PDB file of N, CA and C in Angstrom:
ATOM      1  N   MET A   1     -92.329 -94.325 -11.638  1.00  0.00           N
ATOM      2  CA  MET A   1     -93.213 -93.331 -10.449  1.00  0.00           C
ATOM      3  C   MET A   1     -92.050 -92.669  -9.996  1.00  0.00           C
ATOM      4  N   LEU A   2     -91.010 -92.963  -9.726  1.00  0.00           N
ATOM      5  CA  LEU A   2     -89.731 -92.314  -9.400  1.00  0.00           C
ATOM      6  C   LEU A   2     -89.304 -91.197  -9.890  1.00  0.00           C
ATOM      7  N   TYR A   3     -88.938 -91.406 -11.306  1.00  0.00           N
ATOM      8  CA  TYR A   3     -88.260 -90.989 -12.312  1.00  0.00           C
ATOM      9  C   TYR A   3     -88.866 -89.397 -11.887  1.00  0.00           C
ATOM     10  N   PRO A   4     -90.211 -89.386 -11.999  1.00  0.00           N
ATOM     11  CA  PRO A   4     -90.656 -87.503 -12.101  1.00  0.00           C
ATOM     12  C   PRO A   4     -90.056 -86.832 -10.542  1.00  0.00           C
ATOM     13  N   TYR A   5     -89.656 -87.845  -9.458  1.00  0.00           N
ATOM     14  CA  TYR A   5     -89.277 -87.330  -8.215  1.00  0.00           C
ATOM     15  C   TYR A   5     -88.057 -87.116  -8.210  1.00  0.00           C
ATOM     16  N   HIS A   6     -87.235 -88.110  -8.975  1.00  0.00           N
ATOM     17  CA  HIS A   6     -85.994 -87.985  -9.002  1.00  0.00           C
ATOM     18  C   HIS A   6     -85.341 -86.660  -9.825  1.00  0.00           C
ATOM     19  N   ASN A   7     -85.927 -86.578 -11.111  1.00  0.00           N
ATOM     20  CA  ASN A   7     -85.663 -85.321 -12.021  1.00  0.00           C
ATOM     21  C   ASN A   7     -86.601 -83.981 -11.110  1.00  0.00           C
ATOM     22  N   LYS A   8     -86.975 -84.015 -10.313  1.00  0.00           N
ATOM     23  CA  LYS A   8     -87.691 -82.749  -9.156  1.00  0.00           C
ATOM     24  C   LYS A   8     -86.318 -82.520  -8.350  1.00  0.00           C
ATOM     25  N   LYS A   9     -86.164 -83.853  -7.975  1.00  0.00           N
ATOM     26  CA  LYS A   9     -84.958 -83.250  -6.825  1.00  0.00           C
ATOM     27  C   LYS A   9     -83.704 -82.903  -7.400  1.00  0.00           C
ATOM     28  N   ARG A  10     -83.546 -83.699  -8.538  1.00  0.00           N
ATOM     29  CA  ARG A  10     -81.963 -83.109  -9.503  1.00  0.00           C
ATOM     30  C   ARG A  10     -82.190 -81.455  -9.768  1.00  0.00           C
ATOM     31  N   SER A  11     -83.475 -81.299 -10.259  1.00  0.00           N
ATOM     32  CA  SER A  11     -83.392 -80.153 -10.762  1.00  0.00           C
ATOM     33  C   SER A  11     -83.212 -78.886  -9.745  1.00  0.00           C
ATOM     34  N   LEU A  12     -83.965 -79.619  -8.410  1.00  0.00           N
ATOM     35  CA  LEU A  12     -83.618 -78.545  -7.472  1.00  0.00           C
ATOM     36  C   LEU A  12     -81.993 -78.543  -6.909  1.00  0.00           C
ATOM     37  N   PHE A  13     -81.425 -79.422  -6.972  1.00  0.00           N
ATOM     38  CA  PHE A  13     -79.888 -79.633  -6.543  1.00  0.00           C
ATOM     39  C   PHE A  13     -79.277 -78.355  -7.640  1.00  0.00           C
ATOM     40  N   MET A  14     -79.758 -78.661  -8.865  1.00  0.00           N
ATOM     41  CA  MET A  14     -78.926 -77.991  -9.928  1.00  0.00           C
ATOM     42  C   MET A  14     -79.470 -76.272  -9.539  1.00  0.00           C
ATOM     43  N   ASP A  15     -80.706 -75.957  -9.218  1.00  0.00           N
ATOM     44  CA  ASP A  15     -80.790 -74.775  -9.106  1.00  0.00           C
ATOM     45  C   ASP A  15     -79.972 -74.344  -7.786  1.00  0.00           C
ATOM     46  N   GLY A  16     -79.701 -74.743  -6.652  1.00  0.00           N
ATOM     47  CA  GLY A  16     -79.371 -74.588  -5.286  1.00  0.00           C
ATOM     48  C   GLY A  16     -77.739 -74.636  -5.808  1.00  0.00           C
ATOM     49  N   LEU A  17     -77.133 -75.272  -6.941  1.00  0.00           N
ATOM     50  CA  LEU A  17     -75.838 -75.261  -7.199  1.00  0.00           C
ATOM     51  C   LEU A  17     -75.545 -73.925  -8.102  1.00  0.00           C
ATOM     52  N   ALA A  18     -76.996 -73.550  -8.575  1.00  0.00           N
ATOM     53  CA  ALA A  18     -76.125 -72.530  -9.550  1.00  0.00           C
ATOM     54  C   ALA A  18     -76.174 -71.021  -9.249  1.00  0.00           C
ATOM     55  N   PHE A  19     -77.162 -71.509  -7.709  1.00  0.00           N
ATOM     56  CA  PHE A  19     -77.371 -70.029  -6.856  1.00  0.00           C
ATOM     57  C   PHE A  19     -76.233 -70.146  -6.119  1.00  0.00           C
ATOM     58  N   LEU A  20     -75.540 -71.155  -5.566  1.00  0.00           N
ATOM     59  CA  LEU A  20     -74.260 -70.986  -4.907  1.00  0.00           C
ATOM     60  C   LEU A  20     -73.238 -70.512  -5.186  1.00  0.00           C
ATOM     61  N   GLN A  21     -73.122 -71.143  -6.881  1.00  0.00           N
ATOM     62  CA  GLN A  21     -71.725 -70.208  -8.044  1.00  0.00           C
ATOM     63  C   GLN A  21     -72.407 -68.695  -8.148  1.00  0.00           C
ATOM     64  N   LEU A  22     -73.469 -68.678  -8.222  1.00  0.00           N
ATOM     65  CA  LEU A  22     -73.750 -66.923  -8.179  1.00  0.00           C
ATOM     66  C   LEU A  22     -73.344 -66.059  -6.910  1.00  0.00           C
ATOM     67  N   ALA A  23     -73.919 -66.825  -5.794  1.00  0.00           N
ATOM     68  CA  ALA A  23     -73.508 -66.074  -4.356  1.00  0.00           C
ATOM     69  C   ALA A  23     -71.957 -65.940  -4.357  1.00  0.00           C
ATOM     70  N   ASN A  24     -71.217 -67.438  -4.950  1.00  0.00           N
ATOM     71  CA  ASN A  24     -69.946 -67.261  -4.709  1.00  0.00           C
ATOM     72  C   ASN A  24     -69.185 -65.797  -5.504  1.00  0.00           C
ATOM     73  N   GLU A  25     -69.917 -65.940  -6.787  1.00  0.00           N
ATOM     74  CA  GLU A  25     -69.070 -64.737  -7.722  1.00  0.00           C
ATOM     75  C   GLU A  25     -69.638 -63.089  -7.010  1.00  0.00           C
ATOM     76  N   VAL A  26     -70.564 -62.634  -6.409  1.00  0.00           N
ATOM     77  CA  VAL A  26     -70.965 -61.593  -5.867  1.00  0.00           C
ATOM     78  C   VAL A  26     -69.823 -61.461  -4.318  1.00  0.00           C
ATOM     79  N   LEU A  27     -70.115 -62.676  -3.474  1.00  0.00           N
ATOM     80  CA  LEU A  27     -68.818 -62.764  -2.023  1.00  0.00           C
ATOM     81  C   LEU A  27     -67.653 -62.194  -2.915  1.00  0.00           C
ATOM     82  N   GLY A  28     -67.058 -62.699  -3.838  1.00  0.00           N
ATOM     83  CA  GLY A  28     -65.800 -62.557  -4.724  1.00  0.00           C
ATOM     84  C   GLY A  28     -65.631 -61.053  -5.015  1.00  0.00           C
ATOM     85  N   GLU A  29     -66.362 -60.800  -5.436  1.00  0.00           N
ATOM     86  CA  GLU A  29     -66.590 -59.109  -5.946  1.00  0.00           C
ATOM     87  C   GLU A  29     -66.570 -58.443  -4.634  1.00  0.00           C
ATOM     88  N   VAL A  30     -67.291 -58.526  -3.753  1.00  0.00           N
ATOM     89  CA  VAL A  30     -67.354 -57.788  -2.634  1.00  0.00           C
ATOM     90  C   VAL A  30     -66.025 -57.755  -1.691  1.00  0.00           C
ATOM     91  N   GLY A  31     -65.666 -59.053  -1.501  1.00  0.00           N
ATOM     92  CA  GLY A  31     -64.739 -59.442  -1.037  1.00  0.00           C
ATOM     93  C   GLY A  31     -63.291 -58.508  -1.629  1.00  0.00           C
ATOM     94  N   ALA A  32     -63.336 -58.576  -3.119  1.00  0.00           N
ATOM     95  CA  ALA A  32     -62.181 -57.598  -3.976  1.00  0.00           C
ATOM     96  C   ALA A  32     -62.066 -56.061  -3.944  1.00  0.00           C
ATOM     97  N   GLU A  33     -63.745 -56.030  -3.487  1.00  0.00           N
ATOM     98  CA  GLU A  33     -63.534 -54.310  -3.412  1.00  0.00           C
ATOM     99  C   GLU A  33     -63.534 -53.896  -1.917  1.00  0.00           C
ATOM    100  N   LEU A  34     -63.828 -54.359  -0.565  1.00  0.00           N
ATOM    101  CA  LEU A  34     -63.468 -54.440   0.217  1.00  0.00           C
ATOM    102  C   LEU A  34     -61.964 -54.363   0.566  1.00  0.00           C
ATOM    103  N   ARG A  35     -61.244 -54.983   0.012  1.00  0.00           N
ATOM    104  CA  ARG A  35     -59.569 -54.941   0.245  1.00  0.00           C
ATOM    105  C   ARG A  35     -58.993 -53.998  -0.608  1.00  0.00           C
ATOM    106  N   GLU A  36     -59.929 -53.579  -1.483  1.00  0.00           N
ATOM    107  CA  GLU A  36     -59.196 -52.634  -2.544  1.00  0.00           C
ATOM    108  C   GLU A  36     -59.456 -51.344  -1.686  1.00  0.00           C
ATOM    109  N   CYS A  37     -60.667 -50.844  -0.909  1.00  0.00           N
ATOM    110  CA  CYS A  37     -61.148 -50.276   0.266  1.00  0.00           C
ATOM    111  C   CYS A  37     -59.781 -50.072   1.090  1.00  0.00           C
ATOM    112  N   ALA A  38     -60.029 -51.135   1.837  1.00  0.00           N
ATOM    113  CA  ALA A  38     -58.900 -51.359   2.691  1.00  0.00           C
ATOM    114  C   ALA A  38     -57.500 -50.749   2.591  1.00  0.00           C
ATOM    115  N   ALA A  39     -56.922 -51.056   1.020  1.00  0.00           N
ATOM    116  CA  ALA A  39     -55.776 -50.769   0.792  1.00  0.00           C
ATOM    117  C   ALA A  39     -55.908 -48.914   0.455  1.00  0.00           C
ATOM    118  N   ARG A  40     -57.173 -48.522   0.078  1.00  0.00           N
ATOM    119  CA  ARG A  40     -56.881 -47.090   0.000  1.00  0.00           C
ATOM    120  C   ARG A  40     -56.904 -46.323   1.350  1.00  0.00           C
ATOM    121  N   LEU A  41     -57.677 -47.193   2.103  1.00  0.00           N
ATOM    122  CA  LEU A  41     -57.561 -46.374   3.474  1.00  0.00           C
ATOM    123  C   LEU A  41     -55.952 -46.334   4.163  1.00  0.00           C
ATOM    124  N   ASP A  42     -55.489 -47.750   3.732  1.00  0.00           N
ATOM    125  CA  ASP A  42     -54.080 -47.788   4.337  1.00  0.00           C
ATOM    126  C   ASP A  42     -53.124 -46.970   3.361  1.00  0.00           C
ATOM    127  N   ARG A  43     -53.346 -46.654   2.421  1.00  0.00           N
ATOM    128  CA  ARG A  43     -52.337 -45.657   1.451  1.00  0.00           C
ATOM    129  C   ARG A  43     -52.858 -44.032   2.042  1.00  0.00           C
ATOM    130  N   GLY A  44     -54.354 -43.967   2.475  1.00  0.00           N
ATOM    131  CA  GLY A  44     -54.452 -42.261   2.554  1.00  0.00           C
ATOM    132  C   GLY A  44     -54.299 -42.040   4.079  1.00  0.00           C
ATOM    133  N   GLY A  45     -54.359 -43.097   5.272  1.00  0.00           N
ATOM    134  CA  GLY A  45     -54.195 -42.564   6.117  1.00  0.00           C
ATOM    135  C   GLY A  45     -55.608 -42.635   6.898  1.00  0.00           C
ATOM    136  N   GLY A  46     -56.241 -44.068   6.909  1.00  0.00           N
ATOM    137  CA  GLY A  46     -57.281 -44.232   7.181  1.00  0.00           C
ATOM    138  C   GLY A  46     -57.810 -43.657   8.664  1.00  0.00           C
ATOM    139  N   ALA A  47     -56.889 -44.149   9.642  1.00  0.00           N
ATOM    140  CA  ALA A  47     -57.388 -43.924  11.027  1.00  0.00           C
ATOM    141  C   ALA A  47     -57.566 -42.193  10.998  1.00  0.00           C
ATOM    142  N   ASP A  48     -56.479 -41.370  10.413  1.00  0.00           N
ATOM    143  CA  ASP A  48     -56.715 -40.126  10.361  1.00  0.00           C
ATOM    144  C   ASP A  48     -58.098 -39.492   9.762  1.00  0.00           C
ATOM    145  N   TRP A  49     -58.286 -39.993   8.594  1.00  0.00           N
ATOM    146  CA  TRP A  49     -59.278 -39.591   7.667  1.00  0.00           C
ATOM    147  C   TRP A  49     -60.545 -39.917   8.549  1.00  0.00           C
ATOM    148  N   TRP A  50     -60.542 -41.171   9.454  1.00  0.00           N
ATOM    149  CA  TRP A  50     -61.806 -41.097  10.295  1.00  0.00           C
ATOM    150  C   TRP A  50     -61.982 -40.208  11.265  1.00  0.00           C
ATOM    151  N   GLN A  51     -60.774 -40.063  11.800  1.00  0.00           N
ATOM    152  CA  GLN A  51     -60.774 -38.885  12.732  1.00  0.00           C
ATOM    153  C   GLN A  51     -61.334 -37.543  12.130  1.00  0.00           C
ATOM    154  N   ARG A  52     -60.913 -37.029  10.871  1.00  0.00           N
ATOM    155  CA  ARG A  52     -61.231 -35.763  10.567  1.00  0.00           C
ATOM    156  C   ARG A  52     -62.651 -35.803  10.251  1.00  0.00           C
ATOM    157  N   GLN A  53     -63.112 -37.066   9.633  1.00  0.00           N
ATOM    158  CA  GLN A  53     -64.462 -37.252   9.307  1.00  0.00           C
ATOM    159  C   GLN A  53     -65.585 -36.866  10.930  1.00  0.00           C
ATOM    160  N   GLU A  54     -64.872 -37.977  11.811  1.00  0.00           N
ATOM    161  CA  GLU A  54     -65.858 -37.524  13.144  1.00  0.00           C
ATOM    162  C   GLU A  54     -65.779 -35.955  13.926  1.00  0.00           C
ATOM    163  N   GLN A  55     -64.120 -35.409  13.636  1.00  0.00           N
ATOM    164  CA  GLN A  55     -64.454 -34.090  13.769  1.00  0.00           C
ATOM    165  C   GLN A  55     -65.209 -32.957  13.350  1.00  0.00           C
ATOM    166  N   LEU A  56     -65.439 -33.600  12.009  1.00  0.00           N
ATOM    167  CA  LEU A  56     -66.033 -32.642  10.871  1.00  0.00           C
ATOM    168  C   LEU A  56     -67.851 -32.772  11.492  1.00  0.00           C
ATOM    169  N   GLU A  57     -68.197 -34.082  11.703  1.00  0.00           N
ATOM    170  CA  GLU A  57     -69.554 -34.017  12.234  1.00  0.00           C
ATOM    171  C   GLU A  57     -69.787 -33.466  13.424  1.00  0.00           C
ATOM    172  N   ARG A  58     -69.096 -33.472  14.279  1.00  0.00           N
ATOM    173  CA  ARG A  58     -68.976 -32.735  15.615  1.00  0.00           C
ATOM    174  C   ARG A  58     -69.302 -31.417  15.234  1.00  0.00           C
ATOM    175  N   GLU A  59     -68.479 -30.599  14.461  1.00  0.00           N
ATOM    176  CA  GLU A  59     -68.337 -29.187  14.017  1.00  0.00           C
ATOM    177  C   GLU A  59     -69.695 -28.951  13.260  1.00  0.00           C
ATOM    178  N   GLN A  60     -70.400 -30.173  12.263  1.00  0.00           N
ATOM    179  CA  GLN A  60     -71.460 -29.341  11.923  1.00  0.00           C
ATOM    180  C   GLN A  60     -72.810 -29.671  13.254  1.00  0.00           C
ATOM    181  N   GLN A  61     -72.579 -30.504  14.084  1.00  0.00           N
ATOM    182  CA  GLN A  61     -73.543 -30.703  15.067  1.00  0.00           C
ATOM    183  C   GLN A  61     -73.449 -29.494  15.686  1.00  0.00           C
ATOM    184  N   GLU A  62     -72.395 -29.111  16.182  1.00  0.00           N
ATOM    185  CA  GLU A  62     -72.228 -27.818  16.844  1.00  0.00           C
ATOM    186  C   GLU A  62     -72.854 -26.671  16.606  1.00  0.00           C
ATOM    187  N   ASP A  63     -72.582 -26.328  15.049  1.00  0.00           N
ATOM    188  CA  ASP A  63     -72.886 -25.726  14.040  1.00  0.00           C
ATOM    189  C   ASP A  63     -74.428 -25.423  13.868  1.00  0.00           C
ATOM    190  N   ALA A  64     -75.321 -26.397  13.823  1.00  0.00           N
ATOM    191  CA  ALA A  64     -76.503 -26.768  13.650  1.00  0.00           C
ATOM    192  C   ALA A  64     -77.276 -26.129  15.160  1.00  0.00           C
ATOM    193  N   LEU A  65     -76.700 -26.574  16.000  1.00  0.00           N
ATOM    194  CA  LEU A  65     -77.222 -26.369  17.815  1.00  0.00           C
ATOM    195  C   LEU A  65     -76.887 -24.662  17.872  1.00  0.00           C
ATOM    196  N   ALA A  66     -75.927 -24.630  17.314  1.00  0.00           N
ATOM    197  CA  ALA A  66     -75.664 -22.752  17.643  1.00  0.00           C
ATOM    198  C   ALA A  66     -76.817 -22.123  16.811  1.00  0.00           C
ATOM    199  N   LEU A  67     -76.828 -22.692  15.539  1.00  0.00           N
ATOM    200  CA  LEU A  67     -77.714 -21.396  14.273  1.00  0.00           C
ATOM    201  C   LEU A  67     -79.281 -21.754  15.366  1.00  0.00           C
ATOM    202  N   GLN A  68     -79.726 -22.814  15.571  1.00  0.00           N
ATOM    203  CA  GLN A  68     -80.827 -23.176  16.451  1.00  0.00           C
ATOM    204  C   GLN A  68     -81.263 -22.444  17.913  1.00  0.00           C
ATOM    205  N   HIS A  69     -80.037 -21.681  18.390  1.00  0.00           N
ATOM    206  CA  HIS A  69     -80.262 -21.355  19.576  1.00  0.00           C
ATOM    207  C   HIS A  69     -80.009 -19.683  19.267  1.00  0.00           C
ATOM    208  N   ASP A  70     -79.397 -19.031  18.053  1.00  0.00           N
ATOM    209  CA  ASP A  70     -79.682 -17.911  17.441  1.00  0.00           C
ATOM    210  C   ASP A  70     -81.053 -17.673  17.052  1.00  0.00           C
ATOM    211  N   ARG A  71     -81.893 -18.818  16.521  1.00  0.00           N
ATOM    212  CA  ARG A  71     -82.968 -18.267  15.891  1.00  0.00           C
ATOM    213  C   ARG A  71     -83.826 -17.979  16.918  1.00  0.00           C
ATOM    214  N   ARG A  72     -83.600 -19.005  18.271  1.00  0.00           N
ATOM    215  CA  ARG A  72     -84.699 -18.793  19.359  1.00  0.00           C
ATOM    216  C   ARG A  72     -84.196 -17.689  20.176  1.00  0.00           C
ATOM    217  N   ALA A  73     -83.130 -16.826  19.936  1.00  0.00           N
ATOM    218  CA  ALA A  73     -82.548 -15.949  20.854  1.00  0.00           C
ATOM    219  C   ALA A  73     -83.644 -14.267  20.443  1.00  0.00           C
TER     220      ALA A  73
END
């Protein structure tokens, strides 16, 4: 009577182990991609890029507000 329970418990353990192995692979790939992105940002002046992006967003918002103001006038 214990054998079916024991087999089910072992099966659940093996399923859990397979899931953890898959998760480890995925996290490894994500980590590698993050390291690659960080290296690319370092090579390309990451802080400067972020500042340029923020400035571009501000300019786009200002242009959109000016366009709305012109339409109302």
